[in-house]
PDB file of all heavy atoms in Angstrom:
ATOM      1  N   THR A   1       3.292   1.321  10.902  1.00  0.00           N
ATOM      2  CA  THR A   1       2.294   1.091   9.886  1.00  0.00           C
ATOM      3  C   THR A   1       2.880   0.849   8.494  1.00  0.00           C
ATOM      4  O   THR A   1       3.995   1.298   8.190  1.00  0.00           O
ATOM      5  CB  THR A   1       1.317   2.319   9.779  1.00  0.00           C
ATOM      6  OG1 THR A   1       2.020   3.442   9.333  1.00  0.00           O
ATOM      7  CG2 THR A   1       0.670   2.601  11.098  1.00  0.00           C
ATOM      8  N   LEU A   2       2.160   0.127   7.669  1.00  0.00           N
ATOM      9  CA  LEU A   2       2.530  -0.223   6.323  1.00  0.00           C
ATOM     10  C   LEU A   2       1.375   0.093   5.373  1.00  0.00           C
ATOM     11  O   LEU A   2       0.234  -0.267   5.676  1.00  0.00           O
ATOM     12  CB  LEU A   2       2.884  -1.719   6.213  1.00  0.00           C
ATOM     13  CG  LEU A   2       3.983  -2.230   7.153  1.00  0.00           C
ATOM     14  CD1 LEU A   2       3.969  -3.763   7.129  1.00  0.00           C
ATOM     15  CD2 LEU A   2       5.358  -1.684   6.725  1.00  0.00           C
ATOM     16  N   THR A   3       1.661   0.680   4.215  1.00  0.00           N
ATOM     17  CA  THR A   3       0.652   0.911   3.218  1.00  0.00           C
ATOM     18  C   THR A   3       1.155   0.413   1.928  1.00  0.00           C
ATOM     19  O   THR A   3       2.301   0.690   1.556  1.00  0.00           O
ATOM     20  CB  THR A   3       0.281   2.429   3.127  1.00  0.00           C
ATOM     21  OG1 THR A   3       0.079   2.987   4.459  1.00  0.00           O
ATOM     22  CG2 THR A   3      -0.901   2.655   2.270  1.00  0.00           C
ATOM     23  N   PHE A   4       0.298  -0.342   1.163  1.00  0.00           N
ATOM     24  CA  PHE A   4       0.653  -0.940  -0.093  1.00  0.00           C
ATOM     25  C   PHE A   4      -0.080  -0.304  -1.210  1.00  0.00           C
ATOM     26  O   PHE A   4      -1.262   0.030  -1.099  1.00  0.00           O
ATOM     27  CB  PHE A   4       0.338  -2.441   0.001  1.00  0.00           C
ATOM     28  CG  PHE A   4       1.143  -3.176   1.010  1.00  0.00           C
ATOM     29  CD1 PHE A   4       0.751  -3.207   2.333  1.00  0.00           C
ATOM     30  CD2 PHE A   4       2.325  -3.828   0.645  1.00  0.00           C
ATOM     31  CE1 PHE A   4       1.502  -3.907   3.306  1.00  0.00           C
ATOM     32  CE2 PHE A   4       3.070  -4.514   1.585  1.00  0.00           C
ATOM     33  CZ  PHE A   4       2.668  -4.597   2.908  1.00  0.00           C
ATOM     34  N   TYR A   5       0.598  -0.164  -2.383  1.00  0.00           N
ATOM     35  CA  TYR A   5       0.053   0.460  -3.570  1.00  0.00           C
ATOM     36  C   TYR A   5       0.358  -0.301  -4.806  1.00  0.00           C
ATOM     37  O   TYR A   5       1.357  -1.023  -4.879  1.00  0.00           O
ATOM     38  CB  TYR A   5       0.594   1.908  -3.701  1.00  0.00           C
ATOM     39  CG  TYR A   5       0.390   2.837  -2.578  1.00  0.00           C
ATOM     40  CD1 TYR A   5       1.329   2.878  -1.530  1.00  0.00           C
ATOM     41  CD2 TYR A   5      -0.754   3.630  -2.504  1.00  0.00           C
ATOM     42  CE1 TYR A   5       1.154   3.769  -0.471  1.00  0.00           C
ATOM     43  CE2 TYR A   5      -0.901   4.525  -1.438  1.00  0.00           C
ATOM     44  CZ  TYR A   5       0.022   4.565  -0.422  1.00  0.00           C
ATOM     45  OH  TYR A   5      -0.171   5.440   0.642  1.00  0.00           O
ATOM     46  N   ALA A   6      -0.487  -0.140  -5.853  1.00  0.00           N
ATOM     47  CA  ALA A   6      -0.250  -0.689  -7.150  1.00  0.00           C
ATOM     48  C   ALA A   6      -0.798   0.234  -8.199  1.00  0.00           C
ATOM     49  O   ALA A   6      -1.797   0.910  -7.933  1.00  0.00           O
ATOM     50  CB  ALA A   6      -0.864  -2.089  -7.285  1.00  0.00           C
ATOM     51  N   GLY A   7      -0.202   0.235  -9.375  1.00  0.00           N
ATOM     52  CA  GLY A   7      -0.686   1.128 -10.412  1.00  0.00           C
ATOM     53  C   GLY A   7       0.138   1.027 -11.712  1.00  0.00           C
ATOM     54  O   GLY A   7       1.112   0.266 -11.763  1.00  0.00           O
ATOM     55  N   LEU A   8      -0.227   1.825 -12.654  1.00  0.00           N
ATOM     56  CA  LEU A   8       0.490   1.821 -13.916  1.00  0.00           C
ATOM     57  C   LEU A   8       1.599   2.820 -14.014  1.00  0.00           C
ATOM     58  O   LEU A   8       2.527   2.730 -14.821  1.00  0.00           O
ATOM     59  CB  LEU A   8      -0.497   2.077 -15.140  1.00  0.00           C
ATOM     60  CG  LEU A   8      -1.394   0.891 -15.519  1.00  0.00           C
ATOM     61  CD1 LEU A   8      -2.403   1.356 -16.507  1.00  0.00           C
ATOM     62  CD2 LEU A   8      -0.542  -0.252 -16.072  1.00  0.00           C
ATOM     63  N   SER A   9       1.580   3.851 -13.126  1.00  0.00           N
ATOM     64  CA  SER A   9       2.573   4.876 -13.080  1.00  0.00           C
ATOM     65  C   SER A   9       2.653   5.456 -11.683  1.00  0.00           C
ATOM     66  O   SER A   9       1.767   5.238 -10.855  1.00  0.00           O
ATOM     67  CB  SER A   9       2.307   5.980 -14.087  1.00  0.00           C
ATOM     68  OG  SER A   9       1.211   6.752 -13.651  1.00  0.00           O
ATOM     69  N   ASN A  10       3.714   6.144 -11.420  1.00  0.00           N
ATOM     70  CA  ASN A  10       3.889   6.742 -10.040  1.00  0.00           C
ATOM     71  C   ASN A  10       2.812   7.786  -9.756  1.00  0.00           C
ATOM     72  O   ASN A  10       2.509   8.097  -8.598  1.00  0.00           O
ATOM     73  CB  ASN A  10       5.268   7.433  -9.966  1.00  0.00           C
ATOM     74  CG  ASN A  10       6.380   6.396  -9.728  1.00  0.00           C
ATOM     75  OD1 ASN A  10       6.210   5.474  -8.928  1.00  0.00           O
ATOM     76  ND2 ASN A  10       7.459   6.563 -10.450  1.00  0.00           N
ATOM     77  N   ASP A  11       2.183   8.337 -10.814  1.00  0.00           N
ATOM     78  CA  ASP A  11       1.142   9.351 -10.649  1.00  0.00           C
ATOM     79  C   ASP A  11      -0.277   8.707 -10.550  1.00  0.00           C
ATOM     80  O   ASP A  11      -1.248   9.370 -10.391  1.00  0.00           O
ATOM     81  CB  ASP A  11       1.142  10.322 -11.820  1.00  0.00           C
ATOM     82  CG  ASP A  11       2.454  11.107 -11.877  1.00  0.00           C
ATOM     83  OD1 ASP A  11       3.010  11.395 -10.783  1.00  0.00           O
ATOM     84  OD2 ASP A  11       2.881  11.401 -12.972  1.00  0.00           O
ATOM     85  N   MET A  12      -0.313   7.378 -10.752  1.00  0.00           N
ATOM     86  CA  MET A  12      -1.578   6.673 -10.760  1.00  0.00           C
ATOM     87  C   MET A  12      -1.472   5.383  -9.937  1.00  0.00           C
ATOM     88  O   MET A  12      -1.540   4.337 -10.479  1.00  0.00           O
ATOM     89  CB  MET A  12      -2.043   6.367 -12.142  1.00  0.00           C
ATOM     90  CG  MET A  12      -3.504   5.941 -12.290  1.00  0.00           C
ATOM     91  SD  MET A  12      -3.935   5.557 -14.021  1.00  0.00           S
ATOM     92  CE  MET A  12      -3.812   7.193 -14.750  1.00  0.00           C
ATOM     93  N   LEU A  13      -1.242   5.543  -8.670  1.00  0.00           N
ATOM     94  CA  LEU A  13      -1.121   4.371  -7.732  1.00  0.00           C
ATOM     95  C   LEU A  13      -2.375   4.237  -6.877  1.00  0.00           C
ATOM     96  O   LEU A  13      -2.879   5.254  -6.352  1.00  0.00           O
ATOM     97  CB  LEU A  13       0.106   4.485  -6.857  1.00  0.00           C
ATOM     98  CG  LEU A  13       1.501   4.375  -7.529  1.00  0.00           C
ATOM     99  CD1 LEU A  13       2.599   4.603  -6.549  1.00  0.00           C
ATOM    100  CD2 LEU A  13       1.637   2.973  -8.172  1.00  0.00           C
ATOM    101  N   TYR A  14      -2.877   3.046  -6.752  1.00  0.00           N
ATOM    102  CA  TYR A  14      -4.077   2.794  -5.952  1.00  0.00           C
ATOM    103  C   TYR A  14      -3.652   2.066  -4.664  1.00  0.00           C
ATOM    104  O   TYR A  14      -2.908   1.136  -4.672  1.00  0.00           O
ATOM    105  CB  TYR A  14      -5.056   1.919  -6.714  1.00  0.00           C
ATOM    106  CG  TYR A  14      -5.442   2.497  -8.052  1.00  0.00           C
ATOM    107  CD1 TYR A  14      -4.828   2.097  -9.218  1.00  0.00           C
ATOM    108  CD2 TYR A  14      -6.499   3.461  -8.129  1.00  0.00           C
ATOM    109  CE1 TYR A  14      -5.183   2.641 -10.433  1.00  0.00           C
ATOM    110  CE2 TYR A  14      -6.889   3.985  -9.342  1.00  0.00           C
ATOM    111  CZ  TYR A  14      -6.228   3.604 -10.469  1.00  0.00           C
ATOM    112  OH  TYR A  14      -6.554   4.114 -11.721  1.00  0.00           O
ATOM    113  N   GLN A  15      -4.208   2.492  -3.544  1.00  0.00           N
ATOM    114  CA  GLN A  15      -3.964   1.814  -2.302  1.00  0.00           C
ATOM    115  C   GLN A  15      -4.623   0.445  -2.327  1.00  0.00           C
ATOM    116  O   GLN A  15      -5.797   0.334  -2.653  1.00  0.00           O
ATOM    117  CB  GLN A  15      -4.432   2.625  -1.088  1.00  0.00           C
ATOM    118  CG  GLN A  15      -4.104   2.004   0.265  1.00  0.00           C
ATOM    119  CD  GLN A  15      -4.407   2.916   1.436  1.00  0.00           C
ATOM    120  OE1 GLN A  15      -4.233   4.130   1.332  1.00  0.00           O
ATOM    121  NE2 GLN A  15      -4.867   2.333   2.521  1.00  0.00           N
ATOM    122  N   VAL A  16      -3.881  -0.567  -1.897  1.00  0.00           N
ATOM    123  CA  VAL A  16      -4.415  -1.950  -1.867  1.00  0.00           C
ATOM    124  C   VAL A  16      -4.669  -2.260  -0.384  1.00  0.00           C
ATOM    125  O   VAL A  16      -3.749  -2.480   0.395  1.00  0.00           O
ATOM    126  CB  VAL A  16      -3.457  -2.946  -2.502  1.00  0.00           C
ATOM    127  CG1 VAL A  16      -4.038  -4.308  -2.488  1.00  0.00           C
ATOM    128  CG2 VAL A  16      -3.085  -2.508  -3.922  1.00  0.00           C
ATOM    129  N   GLY A  17      -5.920  -2.379  -0.021  1.00  0.00           N
ATOM    130  CA  GLY A  17      -6.280  -2.696   1.324  1.00  0.00           C
ATOM    131  C   GLY A  17      -6.139  -1.544   2.291  1.00  0.00           C
ATOM    132  O   GLY A  17      -5.701  -0.462   1.921  1.00  0.00           O
ATOM    133  N   GLU A  18      -6.446  -1.819   3.588  1.00  0.00           N
ATOM    134  CA  GLU A  18      -6.293  -0.823   4.585  1.00  0.00           C
ATOM    135  C   GLU A  18      -4.834  -0.704   5.041  1.00  0.00           C
ATOM    136  O   GLU A  18      -4.061  -1.593   4.764  1.00  0.00           O
ATOM    137  CB  GLU A  18      -7.202  -1.178   5.814  1.00  0.00           C
ATOM    138  CG  GLU A  18      -8.669  -1.249   5.477  1.00  0.00           C
ATOM    139  CD  GLU A  18      -9.267   0.063   5.097  1.00  0.00           C
ATOM    140  OE1 GLU A  18      -8.807   1.100   5.643  1.00  0.00           O
ATOM    141  OE2 GLU A  18     -10.097   0.142   4.198  1.00  0.00           O
ATOM    142  N   VAL A  19      -4.534   0.327   5.784  1.00  0.00           N
ATOM    143  CA  VAL A  19      -3.183   0.469   6.418  1.00  0.00           C
ATOM    144  C   VAL A  19      -2.946  -0.710   7.353  1.00  0.00           C
ATOM    145  O   VAL A  19      -3.854  -1.078   8.120  1.00  0.00           O
ATOM    146  CB  VAL A  19      -3.085   1.784   7.109  1.00  0.00           C
ATOM    147  CG1 VAL A  19      -1.725   1.888   7.849  1.00  0.00           C
ATOM    148  CG2 VAL A  19      -3.206   2.976   6.130  1.00  0.00           C
ATOM    149  N   GLN A  20      -1.801  -1.342   7.244  1.00  0.00           N
ATOM    150  CA  GLN A  20      -1.481  -2.528   8.034  1.00  0.00           C
ATOM    151  C   GLN A  20      -0.463  -2.199   9.143  1.00  0.00           C
ATOM    152  O   GLN A  20       0.237  -1.233   9.138  1.00  0.00           O
ATOM    153  CB  GLN A  20      -0.881  -3.614   7.076  1.00  0.00           C
ATOM    154  CG  GLN A  20      -1.805  -4.032   5.975  1.00  0.00           C
ATOM    155  CD  GLN A  20      -3.009  -4.701   6.461  1.00  0.00           C
ATOM    156  OE1 GLN A  20      -2.989  -5.694   7.266  1.00  0.00           O
ATOM    157  NE2 GLN A  20      -4.204  -4.254   6.121  1.00  0.00           N
ATOM    158  N   SER A  21      -0.448  -3.131  10.092  1.00  0.00           N
ATOM    159  CA  SER A  21       0.500  -3.029  11.179  1.00  0.00           C
ATOM    160  C   SER A  21       1.782  -3.836  10.830  1.00  0.00           C
ATOM    161  O   SER A  21       1.721  -4.764   9.989  1.00  0.00           O
ATOM    162  CB  SER A  21      -0.103  -3.652  12.442  1.00  0.00           C
ATOM    163  OG  SER A  21       0.870  -3.956  13.431  1.00  0.00           O
ATOM    164  N   VAL A  22       2.910  -3.488  11.427  1.00  0.00           N
ATOM    165  CA  VAL A  22       4.144  -4.206  11.244  1.00  0.00           C
ATOM    166  C   VAL A  22       4.235  -5.462  12.070  1.00  0.00           C
ATOM    167  O   VAL A  22       5.310  -6.117  12.104  1.00  0.00           O
ATOM    168  CB  VAL A  22       5.362  -3.306  11.493  1.00  0.00           C
ATOM    169  CG1 VAL A  22       5.402  -2.109  10.591  1.00  0.00           C
ATOM    170  CG2 VAL A  22       5.433  -2.878  12.950  1.00  0.00           C
ATOM    171  N   ASP A  23       3.144  -5.853  12.737  1.00  0.00           N
ATOM    172  CA  ASP A  23       3.185  -6.966  13.637  1.00  0.00           C
ATOM    173  C   ASP A  23       3.719  -8.252  13.048  1.00  0.00           C
ATOM    174  O   ASP A  23       4.468  -9.019  13.671  1.00  0.00           O
ATOM    175  CB  ASP A  23       1.864  -7.214  14.332  1.00  0.00           C
ATOM    176  CG  ASP A  23       0.702  -7.428  13.350  1.00  0.00           C
ATOM    177  OD1 ASP A  23       0.954  -7.320  12.118  1.00  0.00           O
ATOM    178  OD2 ASP A  23      -0.412  -7.746  13.784  1.00  0.00           O
ATOM    179  N   ALA A  24       3.375  -8.529  11.751  1.00  0.00           N
ATOM    180  CA  ALA A  24       3.806  -9.736  11.125  1.00  0.00           C
ATOM    181  C   ALA A  24       5.312  -9.819  10.875  1.00  0.00           C
ATOM    182  O   ALA A  24       5.869 -10.921  10.850  1.00  0.00           O
ATOM    183  CB  ALA A  24       3.067  -9.936   9.796  1.00  0.00           C
ATOM    184  N   VAL A  25       5.964  -8.720  10.812  1.00  0.00           N
ATOM    185  CA  VAL A  25       7.417  -8.717  10.549  1.00  0.00           C
ATOM    186  C   VAL A  25       8.204  -8.121  11.685  1.00  0.00           C
ATOM    187  O   VAL A  25       9.339  -7.791  11.577  1.00  0.00           O
ATOM    188  CB  VAL A  25       7.704  -7.934   9.245  1.00  0.00           C
ATOM    189  CG1 VAL A  25       7.149  -8.641   8.038  1.00  0.00           C
ATOM    190  CG2 VAL A  25       7.206  -6.469   9.292  1.00  0.00           C
TER     191      VAL A  25
END
């Protein structure tokens, strides 16, 4: 599984999208 995040600081990261599979890679 892969999970992606974005934010302004390490303490304020938002998950972007649902948890993904590694199938593409």
